[in-house]
Protein backbone atom coordinates (compact mmCIF):
# COMPACT_ATOMS: atom_id res chain seq x y z
CA UNK A 1 17.66 -9.08 3.45
CA UNK A 2 19.89 -11.92 2.30
CA UNK A 3 19.33 -13.71 5.60
CA UNK A 4 15.56 -13.24 5.29
CA UNK A 5 15.63 -14.51 1.70
CA UNK A 6 17.54 -17.62 2.69
CA UNK A 7 15.23 -18.35 5.62
CA UNK A 8 12.06 -17.66 3.62
CA UNK A 9 13.26 -19.88 0.77
CA UNK A 10 14.32 -22.63 3.18
CA UNK A 11 10.93 -22.56 4.95
CA UNK A 12 8.69 -22.83 1.87
CA UNK A 13 9.17 -26.53 0.98
CA UNK A 14 8.84 -27.44 4.66
CA UNK A 15 5.56 -25.56 5.07
CA UNK A 16 4.07 -26.76 1.77
CA UNK A 17 5.41 -30.31 1.32
CA UNK A 18 2.49 -31.76 -0.68
CA UNK A 19 2.01 -28.96 -3.18
CA UNK A 20 2.71 -30.96 -6.37
CA UNK A 21 3.04 -28.66 -9.37
CA UNK A 22 0.64 -26.07 -7.99
CA UNK A 23 2.34 -22.68 -7.86
CA UNK A 24 -0.19 -19.88 -7.58
CA UNK A 25 -2.33 -20.85 -4.57
CA UNK A 26 0.47 -21.98 -2.23
CA UNK A 27 2.66 -19.14 -3.48
CA UNK A 28 0.04 -16.52 -2.70
CA UNK A 29 -0.72 -18.09 0.70
CA UNK A 30 2.98 -18.13 1.54
CA UNK A 31 3.40 -14.59 0.27
CA UNK A 32 0.52 -13.40 2.45
CA UNK A 33 2.04 -15.07 5.52
CA UNK A 34 5.41 -13.48 4.77
CA UNK A 35 3.78 -10.09 4.18
CA UNK A 36 2.06 -10.18 7.56
CA UNK A 37 5.27 -11.24 9.29
CA UNK A 38 7.36 -8.63 7.49
CA UNK A 39 4.75 -5.91 8.04
CA UNK A 40 4.74 -6.57 11.77
CA UNK A 41 8.48 -6.19 12.26
CA UNK A 42 9.15 -3.48 9.70
CA UNK A 43 6.18 -1.20 9.10
CA UNK A 44 4.77 -1.22 12.62
CA UNK A 45 8.16 -1.14 14.33
CA UNK A 46 9.44 1.78 12.22
CA UNK A 47 6.22 3.73 12.73
CA UNK A 48 6.45 3.21 16.48
CA UNK A 49 10.13 4.20 16.77
CA UNK A 50 10.36 7.28 14.55
CA UNK A 51 8.86 10.75 14.54
CA UNK A 52 6.87 11.26 11.34
CA UNK A 53 4.64 13.96 9.94
CA UNK A 54 1.93 11.41 9.06
CA UNK A 55 2.00 7.94 10.56
CA UNK A 56 -1.24 6.86 8.80
CA UNK A 57 0.20 7.82 5.39
CA UNK A 58 3.43 5.98 6.16
CA UNK A 59 1.52 2.87 7.21
CA UNK A 60 -0.66 3.00 4.09
CA UNK A 61 2.34 3.32 1.76
CA UNK A 62 4.43 0.67 3.50
CA UNK A 63 1.50 -1.72 3.71
CA UNK A 64 0.93 -1.38 -0.02
CA UNK A 65 4.59 -1.89 -0.83
CA UNK A 66 4.84 -4.90 1.48
CA UNK A 67 1.77 -6.53 -0.08
CA UNK A 68 3.10 -5.86 -3.58
CA UNK A 69 6.52 -7.26 -2.70
CA UNK A 70 5.19 -10.51 -1.31
CA UNK A 71 2.50 -10.81 -3.98
CA UNK A 72 5.50 -11.24 -6.29
CA UNK A 73 7.92 -13.05 -3.94
CA UNK A 74 5.52 -15.78 -2.74
CA UNK A 75 4.70 -17.17 -6.20
CA UNK A 76 8.35 -16.77 -7.28
CA UNK A 77 9.48 -18.97 -4.38
CA UNK A 78 6.72 -21.45 -5.25
CA UNK A 79 7.90 -21.43 -8.86
CA UNK A 80 11.47 -22.13 -7.80
CA UNK A 81 10.31 -25.17 -5.79
CA UNK A 82 7.82 -26.60 -8.31
CA UNK A 83 8.02 -30.32 -8.92
């Protein structure tokens, strides 16, 4: 997770160079992109590799948690890089 945090933080100012002082919109866009990326290599991969009693329930819960996480993380990274 530390490696992901470093990479995600390093990537933000390079992907949103002309953001000015705007935090919310680029932060939410970045958070959504990170959520989709994270969801693809965590939620889907874990569901495909493990035996579970309810894969749909697992995917629903993990999707919600991933969205919540990056709904917070995206704007926080944008806040850290505000001008």
